[in-house]
Amino acid sequence: MKKITSGIKFKNFFPQKKNLYLTNYLTKLINQPNEVINSLKKDYKDSYSSKEIKKFKSMELFNVIGMGGSSLGAHAIYSFLNKNIRKKFLFYKNLQSNFKNKKSKKAINLIISKSGNTDETIVNSNVLIQKKDKNIFITENSNNYLRALAAKLKSEIIDHNNYIGGRYSVLSEVGMLPAELMGLNPKNFRQLNSLIKNKVFLENLINNVSAIHKLYKRKKYNSIILNYDESSKDLFEWYRQLVAESLGKKGKGILPIISNVPKDNHSVMQLFLDGFKNNFFTFFFVKNSSSLRINNTSILTAKKYLKNKSLEQIIFAQKNATEKVFYTKQISFRSFEIIQKNEKSLGELFCFFILETILLGKLLKVNPYDQPSVELIKKETKKNLIF
């Protein structure tokens, strides 16, 4: 595996010839005005100041209310870096008939919706917000429902950048304001400035995108994440929306599927190994030097090879064994190993996946920034509720 940054090792699917077309497009993408790309850079100007939210930083409990990209990025940050966060965040990112986690303690409600008219966010806010609650609304500066509600409640209003869609907003105020309330530093996440000077990172990104496009042309449409890290589940929920919503257009697209391993070795792995062949795979492993160790006194002779092992060593051995079997069976895969788990490495992953998705959009000839068909469901839902 090749070390592409100080915190990430990466192994690509298979070697590719240099792709000057993609290289030139990436250079153009990074250097031309683009709000999404701008949000990945250190000089991005958030629409809030640390001073504005200072009064909320002493709170210990936060409710994040938002759908899709309005909350998935913040949830990924919270789960991935949870050991460094001393505050509690609850995420309300779906409609449910009964709120098991409905708050009883004093909390700050953080309500996020770009349009300000997302029905699910409005409904959840209506259920969760109580009198005398302190609320922060992040929504675009337009005449929308949530902005009007925020004004009525005399709540804090933060402008959502109009030109950054939800799934791309993780390093804008949508993800960085919650991160700052978690006690993290937004500047540490925005790594694009250093990444564009990193030839190894850029070469691997281009190589990777070329390989995925080649696999796609071979009718391998399912991107299956073999995730060996519990704390990364929400990162791949974010990745799933990013890829599916950005590329699923004009009869094209890549379907992201999250498989949590080694648990799934005992359910779907047989299918992955010997079933249909329209999949490609991503192995994802995070080093954890503080993982629990086997209690040697309780291990019987038949399993003596487990003695003196940590859970991390056992999981890593399973990952390497699975990669070897995939290689033997000629199943296409790439592999990430996170060797430093911090804001910087997570920011690098966000940058990698965002750039990868935009470049794939270019090769597939689809607009990676819109989601036109989702609007049809919103219109039909409104009709059903009216009539």
Protein backbone atom coordinates (compact mmCIF):
# COMPACT_ATOMS: atom_id res chain seq x y z
CA MET A 1 0.00 0.00 0.00
CA LYS A 2 1.13 3.53 -0.75
CA LYS A 3 1.08 6.34 1.82
CA ILE A 4 -0.79 9.15 0.03
CA THR A 5 -0.89 11.51 3.04
CA SER A 6 0.53 11.40 6.57
CA GLY A 7 -2.70 9.80 7.79
CA ILE A 8 -3.87 7.60 4.90
CA LYS A 9 -2.49 4.58 3.04
CA PHE A 10 -4.16 3.67 -0.25
CA LYS A 11 -4.10 0.82 -2.73
CA ASN A 12 -5.74 1.39 -6.10
CA PHE A 13 -7.78 -1.15 -8.10
CA PHE A 14 -5.14 -1.70 -10.80
CA PRO A 15 -2.49 0.46 -12.55
CA GLN A 16 -3.72 2.92 -15.17
CA LYS A 17 -1.98 4.92 -17.88
CA LYS A 18 -1.66 8.63 -17.18
CA ASN A 19 -4.97 10.33 -17.96
CA LEU A 20 -4.13 13.83 -19.21
CA TYR A 21 -7.79 14.60 -19.86
CA LEU A 22 -8.70 14.04 -16.18
CA THR A 23 -5.52 15.72 -14.94
CA ASN A 24 -6.26 18.86 -16.94
CA TYR A 25 -9.90 18.86 -15.87
CA LEU A 26 -8.93 18.52 -12.20
CA THR A 27 -6.48 21.44 -12.52
CA LYS A 28 -9.21 23.53 -14.14
CA LEU A 29 -11.73 22.49 -11.49
CA ILE A 30 -9.45 23.49 -8.63
CA ASN A 31 -8.39 26.84 -10.13
CA GLN A 32 -11.69 28.11 -11.53
CA PRO A 33 -14.41 29.68 -9.33
CA ASN A 34 -16.46 26.85 -7.80
CA GLU A 35 -18.21 27.22 -4.43
CA VAL A 36 -18.06 23.48 -3.64
CA ILE A 37 -14.30 23.32 -4.28
CA ASN A 38 -13.83 26.62 -2.44
CA SER A 39 -15.40 25.13 0.71
CA LEU A 40 -12.59 22.53 0.82
CA LYS A 41 -9.92 25.25 1.06
CA LYS A 42 -8.55 26.94 4.17
CA ASP A 43 -9.56 30.44 3.01
CA TYR A 44 -13.28 29.55 2.77
CA LYS A 45 -15.23 32.17 4.70
CA ASP A 46 -17.96 30.69 6.86
CA SER A 47 -21.18 32.69 7.15
CA TYR A 48 -20.83 32.67 10.94
CA SER A 49 -18.10 33.74 13.33
CA SER A 50 -16.83 31.89 16.39
CA LYS A 51 -17.96 34.92 18.38
CA GLU A 52 -21.58 34.41 17.25
CA ILE A 53 -21.74 30.84 18.54
CA LYS A 54 -19.55 31.28 21.62
CA LYS A 55 -22.63 31.51 23.86
CA PHE A 56 -23.67 27.99 22.76
CA LYS A 57 -20.31 26.29 23.33
CA SER A 58 -20.90 25.68 27.04
CA MET A 59 -23.92 23.48 26.28
CA GLU A 60 -23.47 19.71 26.59
CA LEU A 61 -26.43 18.41 24.52
CA PHE A 62 -27.31 19.26 20.91
CA ASN A 63 -30.14 18.05 18.66
CA VAL A 64 -29.24 18.15 14.96
CA ILE A 65 -32.38 18.20 12.80
CA GLY A 66 -31.89 17.85 9.06
CA MET A 67 -32.30 15.48 6.13
CA GLY A 68 -29.63 14.01 3.84
CA GLY A 69 -26.58 16.21 3.41
CA SER A 70 -27.89 18.67 5.97
CA SER A 71 -26.96 16.24 8.75
CA LEU A 72 -25.04 13.26 7.32
CA GLY A 73 -21.71 15.13 7.18
CA ALA A 74 -21.97 16.36 10.78
CA HIS A 75 -22.99 12.86 11.91
CA ALA A 76 -19.96 11.37 10.11
CA ILE A 77 -17.68 13.82 11.93
CA TYR A 78 -19.29 13.09 15.31
CA SER A 79 -19.06 9.30 14.95
CA PHE A 80 -15.56 9.20 13.43
CA LEU A 81 -14.00 11.52 16.04
CA ASN A 82 -16.25 10.62 18.96
CA LYS A 83 -13.36 9.79 21.30
CA ASN A 84 -12.19 13.42 21.03
CA ILE A 85 -15.68 14.89 21.64
CA ARG A 86 -17.00 15.39 25.15
CA LYS A 87 -20.46 16.65 24.18
CA LYS A 88 -23.55 14.68 23.20
CA PHE A 89 -25.16 15.13 19.79
CA LEU A 90 -28.45 13.48 18.79
CA PHE A 91 -29.26 13.34 15.09
CA TYR A 92 -32.83 13.43 13.78
CA LYS A 93 -32.39 12.59 10.11
CA ASN A 94 -35.52 10.62 9.28
CA LEU A 95 -39.25 10.78 9.92
CA GLN A 96 -40.48 8.37 12.55
CA SER A 97 -43.83 8.02 14.24
CA ASN A 98 -42.32 7.89 17.69
CA PHE A 99 -39.22 9.68 18.94
CA LYS A 100 -37.45 7.37 21.39
CA ASN A 101 -34.72 9.94 21.91
CA LYS A 102 -37.09 12.87 22.36
CA LYS A 103 -35.13 15.15 24.57
CA SER A 104 -35.93 15.83 28.18
CA LYS A 105 -32.76 17.70 29.14
CA LYS A 106 -31.96 21.25 28.17
CA ALA A 107 -30.41 21.21 24.70
CA ILE A 108 -29.63 23.39 21.71
CA ASN A 109 -31.63 22.59 18.58
CA LEU A 110 -29.59 22.91 15.39
CA ILE A 111 -32.03 22.95 12.44
CA ILE A 112 -30.47 22.68 8.97
CA SER A 113 -32.10 22.89 5.54
CA LYS A 114 -30.70 24.66 2.48
CA SER A 115 -34.10 25.40 0.94
CA GLY A 116 -35.74 26.01 4.31
CA ASN A 117 -38.81 24.19 2.99
CA THR A 118 -37.91 20.52 3.59
CA ASP A 119 -41.11 18.93 4.95
CA GLU A 120 -39.36 16.27 7.05
CA THR A 121 -37.13 18.86 8.74
CA ILE A 122 -40.13 21.12 9.38
CA VAL A 123 -42.11 18.22 10.90
CA ASN A 124 -39.25 17.06 13.13
CA SER A 125 -38.60 20.64 14.27
CA ASN A 126 -42.28 21.02 15.11
CA VAL A 127 -42.19 17.87 17.27
CA LEU A 128 -38.86 18.56 18.97
CA ILE A 129 -38.72 22.32 19.59
CA GLN A 130 -40.20 23.29 22.92
CA LYS A 131 -40.92 26.68 24.44
CA LYS A 132 -37.87 28.54 25.77
CA ASP A 133 -35.55 26.32 23.70
CA LYS A 134 -32.47 27.91 22.17
CA ASN A 135 -32.28 27.22 18.45
CA ILE A 136 -29.82 27.77 15.63
CA PHE A 137 -31.19 27.67 12.08
CA ILE A 138 -28.91 27.17 9.06
CA THR A 139 -30.82 27.97 5.88
CA GLU A 140 -30.32 30.01 2.74
CA ASN A 141 -31.06 33.71 2.72
CA SER A 142 -34.45 33.57 1.01
CA ASN A 143 -38.14 33.80 1.82
CA ASN A 144 -38.55 30.26 3.18
CA TYR A 145 -40.49 28.51 5.95
CA LEU A 146 -37.64 27.82 8.39
CA ARG A 147 -36.27 31.35 8.11
CA ALA A 148 -39.74 32.68 8.97
CA LEU A 149 -39.99 30.22 11.88
CA ALA A 150 -36.55 31.26 13.15
CA ALA A 151 -37.59 34.90 13.09
CA LYS A 152 -40.80 34.10 14.97
CA LEU A 153 -38.86 32.17 17.63
CA LYS A 154 -36.18 34.89 17.77
CA SER A 155 -33.54 32.25 17.08
CA GLU A 156 -30.02 32.52 15.73
CA ILE A 157 -29.97 32.38 11.91
CA ILE A 158 -26.86 31.33 9.95
CA ASP A 159 -26.85 31.70 6.16
CA HIS A 160 -26.47 28.48 4.16
CA ASN A 161 -24.29 29.07 1.09
CA ASN A 162 -26.77 29.14 -1.84
CA TYR A 163 -24.32 27.52 -4.24
CA ILE A 164 -23.37 24.47 -2.17
CA GLY A 165 -25.79 21.52 -2.27
CA GLY A 166 -26.40 19.46 0.86
CA ARG A 167 -24.21 16.45 0.03
CA TYR A 168 -21.28 18.75 -0.80
CA SER A 169 -21.74 21.00 2.24
CA VAL A 170 -19.81 19.04 4.88
CA LEU A 171 -16.85 21.46 4.94
CA SER A 172 -19.03 24.56 4.73
CA GLU A 173 -20.94 26.03 7.69
CA VAL A 174 -23.35 23.06 7.52
CA GLY A 175 -20.71 20.66 8.82
CA MET A 176 -18.18 23.02 10.37
CA LEU A 177 -20.55 24.88 12.72
CA PRO A 178 -21.59 21.58 14.39
CA ALA A 179 -17.90 20.53 14.38
CA GLU A 180 -16.95 23.71 16.20
CA LEU A 181 -19.72 23.12 18.75
CA MET A 182 -18.22 19.64 19.22
CA GLY A 183 -14.97 21.35 20.22
CA LEU A 184 -13.18 20.62 16.93
CA ASN A 185 -11.25 23.02 14.69
CA PRO A 186 -12.79 23.65 11.22
CA LYS A 187 -9.43 24.76 9.79
CA ASN A 188 -8.02 21.27 10.36
CA PHE A 189 -10.67 19.71 8.08
CA ARG A 190 -10.06 21.91 5.04
CA GLN A 191 -7.09 20.15 3.49
CA LEU A 192 -7.39 20.90 -0.24
CA ASN A 193 -4.61 23.52 -0.24
CA SER A 194 -2.03 20.95 0.86
CA LEU A 195 -3.55 18.08 -1.16
CA ILE A 196 -3.22 19.90 -4.49
CA LYS A 197 0.53 20.13 -3.82
CA ASN A 198 0.70 16.41 -3.05
CA LYS A 199 1.61 14.61 -6.31
CA VAL A 200 1.14 11.15 -4.80
CA PHE A 201 -2.40 12.02 -3.66
CA LEU A 202 -3.36 13.54 -7.03
CA GLU A 203 -1.87 10.68 -9.07
CA ASN A 204 -3.75 8.12 -6.97
CA LEU A 205 -6.99 10.11 -7.23
CA ILE A 206 -6.75 10.27 -11.05
CA ASN A 207 -5.69 6.61 -11.28
CA ASN A 208 -8.60 5.62 -9.04
CA VAL A 209 -11.22 7.55 -11.03
CA SER A 210 -9.91 6.09 -14.32
CA ALA A 211 -10.12 2.58 -12.85
CA ILE A 212 -13.69 3.06 -11.58
CA HIS A 213 -14.75 4.37 -14.99
CA LYS A 214 -13.17 1.35 -16.68
CA LEU A 215 -15.02 -0.96 -14.24
CA TYR A 216 -18.26 0.91 -14.96
CA LYS A 217 -17.83 0.35 -18.69
CA ARG A 218 -17.51 -3.36 -17.86
CA LYS A 219 -20.99 -3.09 -16.29
CA LYS A 220 -19.75 -3.16 -12.71
CA TYR A 221 -22.25 -0.71 -11.23
CA ASN A 222 -22.25 -1.57 -7.49
CA SER A 223 -19.69 0.15 -5.25
CA ILE A 224 -19.55 -2.06 -2.15
CA ILE A 225 -17.80 -0.67 0.91
CA LEU A 226 -16.31 -3.34 3.15
CA ASN A 227 -16.11 -1.27 6.31
CA TYR A 228 -13.97 -2.70 9.13
CA ASP A 229 -14.47 0.29 11.45
CA GLU A 230 -17.64 0.80 13.53
CA SER A 231 -17.03 4.54 13.88
CA SER A 232 -17.00 4.98 10.09
CA LYS A 233 -20.58 3.77 9.45
CA ASP A 234 -21.90 7.33 9.26
CA LEU A 235 -19.03 8.42 7.01
CA PHE A 236 -20.26 5.89 4.47
CA GLU A 237 -23.88 6.95 4.90
CA TRP A 238 -22.62 10.35 3.75
CA TYR A 239 -20.61 8.72 0.92
CA ARG A 240 -23.69 6.77 -0.20
CA GLN A 241 -25.74 9.93 -0.70
CA LEU A 242 -22.81 11.73 -2.35
CA VAL A 243 -22.30 9.05 -5.01
CA ALA A 244 -25.92 7.96 -5.59
CA GLU A 245 -27.45 11.44 -5.77
CA SER A 246 -24.60 12.95 -7.79
CA LEU A 247 -24.24 10.25 -10.45
CA GLY A 248 -27.66 8.60 -10.68
CA LYS A 249 -29.00 10.36 -13.78
CA LYS A 250 -29.78 9.74 -17.47
CA GLY A 251 -30.01 5.99 -16.93
CA LYS A 252 -26.48 5.99 -15.46
CA GLY A 253 -25.05 5.81 -11.96
CA ILE A 254 -23.16 3.85 -9.34
CA LEU A 255 -25.00 2.16 -6.46
CA PRO A 256 -23.09 2.43 -3.15
CA ILE A 257 -23.73 -0.47 -0.75
CA ILE A 258 -22.31 -0.51 2.79
CA SER A 259 -21.24 -3.86 4.20
CA ASN A 260 -20.06 -3.93 7.82
CA VAL A 261 -17.38 -6.54 8.23
CA PRO A 262 -16.27 -8.93 9.63
CA LYS A 263 -19.95 -9.35 10.67
CA ASP A 264 -21.02 -9.63 7.02
CA ASN A 265 -18.50 -12.41 6.40
CA HIS A 266 -21.26 -14.56 7.91
CA SER A 267 -24.07 -13.30 5.66
CA VAL A 268 -23.36 -11.66 2.28
CA MET A 269 -19.66 -12.46 1.74
CA GLN A 270 -20.51 -15.74 -0.01
CA LEU A 271 -22.47 -13.72 -2.59
CA PHE A 272 -19.62 -11.22 -2.99
CA LEU A 273 -17.15 -14.02 -3.63
CA ASP A 274 -19.17 -16.41 -5.82
CA GLY A 275 -22.30 -14.54 -6.91
CA PHE A 276 -22.93 -12.12 -9.78
CA LYS A 277 -19.93 -10.08 -10.91
CA ASN A 278 -21.23 -6.52 -11.34
CA ASN A 279 -19.58 -5.26 -8.12
CA PHE A 280 -16.35 -3.48 -7.24
CA PHE A 281 -15.15 -3.15 -3.66
CA THR A 282 -13.55 -0.70 -1.24
CA PHE A 283 -11.81 -2.06 1.86
CA PHE A 284 -11.75 0.47 4.71
CA PHE A 285 -9.73 -0.07 7.88
CA VAL A 286 -8.80 2.31 10.72
CA LYS A 287 -5.86 1.63 13.05
CA ASN A 288 -6.81 1.56 16.72
CA SER A 289 -3.85 1.07 19.04
CA SER A 290 -6.08 1.27 22.12
CA SER A 291 -8.32 -1.68 21.17
CA LEU A 292 -9.04 -4.40 23.74
CA ARG A 293 -6.78 -7.46 23.98
CA ILE A 294 -7.65 -11.14 24.25
CA ASN A 295 -7.78 -12.56 27.76
CA ASN A 296 -5.19 -15.33 27.37
CA THR A 297 -6.33 -17.26 30.43
CA SER A 298 -9.72 -17.89 28.84
CA ILE A 299 -8.40 -19.17 25.50
CA LEU A 300 -8.43 -22.95 25.04
CA THR A 301 -5.60 -24.77 23.23
CA ALA A 302 -7.64 -25.21 20.03
CA LYS A 303 -7.59 -21.43 19.51
CA LYS A 304 -4.12 -20.67 20.87
CA TYR A 305 -3.29 -18.57 17.76
CA LEU A 306 -5.59 -15.89 19.24
CA LYS A 307 -3.37 -15.46 22.31
CA ASN A 308 -1.60 -12.11 22.82
CA LYS A 309 -3.69 -10.56 20.05
CA SER A 310 -5.65 -7.31 20.18
CA LEU A 311 -9.04 -6.96 18.50
CA GLU A 312 -7.36 -4.59 16.02
CA GLN A 313 -4.82 -7.27 15.06
CA ILE A 314 -7.55 -9.85 14.54
CA ILE A 315 -9.68 -7.50 12.40
CA PHE A 316 -6.63 -6.45 10.39
CA ALA A 317 -5.73 -10.12 9.79
CA GLN A 318 -9.30 -10.75 8.55
CA LYS A 319 -9.09 -7.76 6.20
CA ASN A 320 -5.76 -8.91 4.75
CA ALA A 321 -7.06 -12.47 4.36
CA THR A 322 -10.17 -11.23 2.53
CA GLU A 323 -8.07 -9.04 0.23
CA LYS A 324 -5.91 -12.07 -0.61
CA VAL A 325 -8.97 -14.16 -1.48
CA PHE A 326 -10.35 -11.31 -3.61
CA TYR A 327 -7.02 -11.08 -5.42
CA THR A 328 -6.96 -14.84 -6.04
CA LYS A 329 -10.52 -14.74 -7.39
CA GLN A 330 -9.68 -11.65 -9.53
CA ILE A 331 -12.34 -9.50 -7.85
CA SER A 332 -11.68 -5.77 -8.29
CA PHE A 333 -10.96 -3.86 -5.09
CA ARG A 334 -9.17 -0.86 -3.66
CA SER A 335 -8.12 -0.38 -0.06
CA PHE A 336 -7.90 2.47 2.47
CA GLU A 337 -5.99 2.23 5.75
CA ILE A 338 -6.35 5.18 8.11
CA ILE A 339 -3.20 5.37 10.20
CA GLN A 340 -4.01 8.64 11.97
CA LYS A 341 -7.60 9.20 13.05
CA ASN A 342 -8.06 12.96 13.40
CA GLU A 343 -9.69 16.03 11.83
CA LYS A 344 -7.00 16.23 9.15
CA SER A 345 -7.31 12.65 7.89
CA LEU A 346 -11.13 12.89 7.91
CA GLY A 347 -10.93 16.16 5.97
CA GLU A 348 -8.65 14.44 3.45
CA LEU A 349 -11.20 11.66 3.01
CA PHE A 350 -14.00 14.18 2.46
CA CYS A 351 -11.85 15.92 -0.19
CA PHE A 352 -10.93 12.62 -1.87
CA PHE A 353 -14.52 11.37 -2.18
CA ILE A 354 -15.91 14.75 -3.29
CA LEU A 355 -13.25 15.17 -6.00
CA GLU A 356 -13.66 11.53 -7.06
CA THR A 357 -17.43 11.99 -7.48
CA ILE A 358 -17.14 15.22 -9.47
CA LEU A 359 -14.52 13.68 -11.79
CA LEU A 360 -16.69 10.59 -12.31
CA GLY A 361 -19.59 12.91 -13.18
CA LYS A 362 -17.42 14.42 -15.90
CA LEU A 363 -16.54 10.99 -17.36
CA LEU A 364 -20.16 9.78 -17.17
CA LYS A 365 -21.37 13.06 -18.74
CA VAL A 366 -23.85 13.86 -15.97
CA ASN A 367 -24.21 16.98 -13.84
CA PRO A 368 -22.89 15.91 -10.40
CA TYR A 369 -24.43 18.91 -8.62
CA ASP A 370 -28.19 18.53 -9.18
CA GLN A 371 -30.91 15.96 -8.24
CA PRO A 372 -33.88 16.78 -10.49
CA SER A 373 -36.01 13.66 -10.02
CA VAL A 374 -36.11 13.87 -6.21
CA GLU A 375 -38.19 17.02 -6.62
CA LEU A 376 -40.96 14.92 -8.23
CA ILE A 377 -41.51 13.02 -4.96
CA LYS A 378 -41.71 16.28 -3.01
CA LYS A 379 -44.43 17.57 -5.36
CA GLU A 380 -46.44 14.34 -5.23
CA THR A 381 -46.20 14.20 -1.42
CA LYS A 382 -47.58 17.72 -1.20
CA LYS A 383 -50.48 16.76 -3.48
CA ASN A 384 -51.30 13.73 -1.30
CA LEU A 385 -51.31 15.81 1.87
CA ILE A 386 -53.48 18.54 0.35
CA PHE A 387 -56.09 16.16 -1.04
